[in-house]
Protein backbone atom coordinates (compact mmCIF):
# COMPACT_ATOMS: atom_id res chain seq x y z
CA MET A 1 -47.16 35.97 0.54
CA SER A 2 -44.58 38.34 -0.74
CA TRP A 3 -44.80 41.43 -2.91
CA GLU A 4 -42.38 42.24 -5.70
CA ARG A 5 -41.72 45.62 -7.26
CA THR A 6 -42.31 44.87 -10.93
CA ALA A 7 -41.81 48.36 -12.40
CA ASP A 8 -39.93 51.41 -11.22
CA THR A 9 -39.56 54.47 -13.42
CA GLU A 10 -39.60 58.18 -12.63
CA THR A 11 -43.35 58.31 -13.27
CA ARG A 12 -44.65 54.83 -12.36
CA ILE A 13 -44.00 52.18 -9.71
CA GLU A 14 -45.81 48.84 -9.51
CA TRP A 15 -45.94 46.01 -6.99
CA GLU A 16 -47.51 42.59 -7.54
CA ARG A 17 -48.35 40.01 -4.91
CA SER A 18 -46.77 36.61 -5.50
CA ASP A 19 -50.14 34.91 -6.04
CA GLY A 20 -50.89 37.38 -8.85
CA TYR A 21 -54.25 38.39 -7.34
CA ALA A 22 -53.27 41.84 -6.06
CA ARG A 23 -51.41 44.82 -7.48
CA VAL A 24 -50.49 48.28 -6.24
CA VAL A 25 -49.64 51.05 -8.72
CA ALA A 26 -48.25 54.51 -7.99
CA ARG A 27 -48.05 56.96 -10.86
CA ARG A 28 -47.31 60.64 -11.27
CA THR A 29 -50.31 62.61 -12.47
CA ALA A 30 -50.36 65.49 -14.96
CA SER A 31 -50.58 67.94 -12.04
CA GLY A 32 -47.41 66.49 -10.46
CA ASP A 33 -49.17 64.68 -7.60
CA TRP A 34 -49.03 60.92 -7.25
CA ALA A 35 -52.04 58.61 -7.60
CA VAL A 36 -51.78 55.33 -5.72
CA SER A 37 -54.20 52.47 -6.29
CA LEU A 38 -54.71 49.01 -4.85
CA ASP A 39 -56.54 46.42 -6.92
CA ARG A 40 -57.24 42.96 -5.54
CA LEU A 41 -59.11 40.57 -7.83
CA GLU A 42 -62.27 38.78 -6.79
CA GLN A 43 -60.40 35.47 -7.20
CA ALA A 44 -58.12 36.41 -4.29
CA PRO A 45 -58.62 34.21 -1.21
CA GLU A 46 -59.79 37.22 0.81
CA GLY A 47 -62.01 38.63 -1.98
CA GLU A 48 -61.86 41.71 -4.12
CA THR A 49 -61.16 45.29 -3.11
CA TYR A 50 -60.13 48.56 -4.70
CA ALA A 51 -58.66 51.68 -3.12
CA HIS A 52 -57.28 54.92 -4.54
CA GLU A 53 -55.50 57.89 -2.97
CA THR A 54 -53.72 60.96 -4.28
CA VAL A 55 -50.63 62.15 -2.42
CA GLY A 56 -48.19 64.99 -2.96
CA SER A 57 -44.87 63.26 -3.57
CA ARG A 58 -43.18 60.09 -4.79
CA ASP A 59 -41.99 59.33 -1.24
CA ASP A 60 -45.55 59.64 0.08
CA ALA A 61 -46.75 57.38 -2.73
CA VAL A 62 -44.17 54.72 -1.86
CA ASP A 63 -45.12 54.97 1.83
CA ARG A 64 -48.83 54.51 1.02
CA ALA A 65 -48.09 51.62 -1.36
CA GLU A 66 -45.88 49.85 1.18
CA ALA A 67 -48.55 50.26 3.86
CA TRP A 68 -51.13 48.70 1.54
CA THR A 69 -48.83 45.81 0.62
CA ALA A 70 -48.33 45.10 4.33
CA GLU A 71 -52.09 45.35 5.04
CA HIS A 72 -53.00 43.07 2.14
CA ASP A 73 -50.35 40.42 2.61
CA ILE A 74 -51.55 36.93 3.45
CA ASP A 75 -49.75 33.95 4.93
């Protein structure tokens, strides 16, 4: 399955998996850090999961998000 970047602003970036059952969101926090979350619905073939991390920069947030999209991709 593929992932598509569905939003990209200075403060928020979103990716959605093509089946619609998983989403990754990176957003800038009030403190200037970036919060990155993975949310996979229970209807997903591999079941539900949720993960959250805070990183120091937009680049780190994109790196974390891209790692999660690769880890949670299915054929």
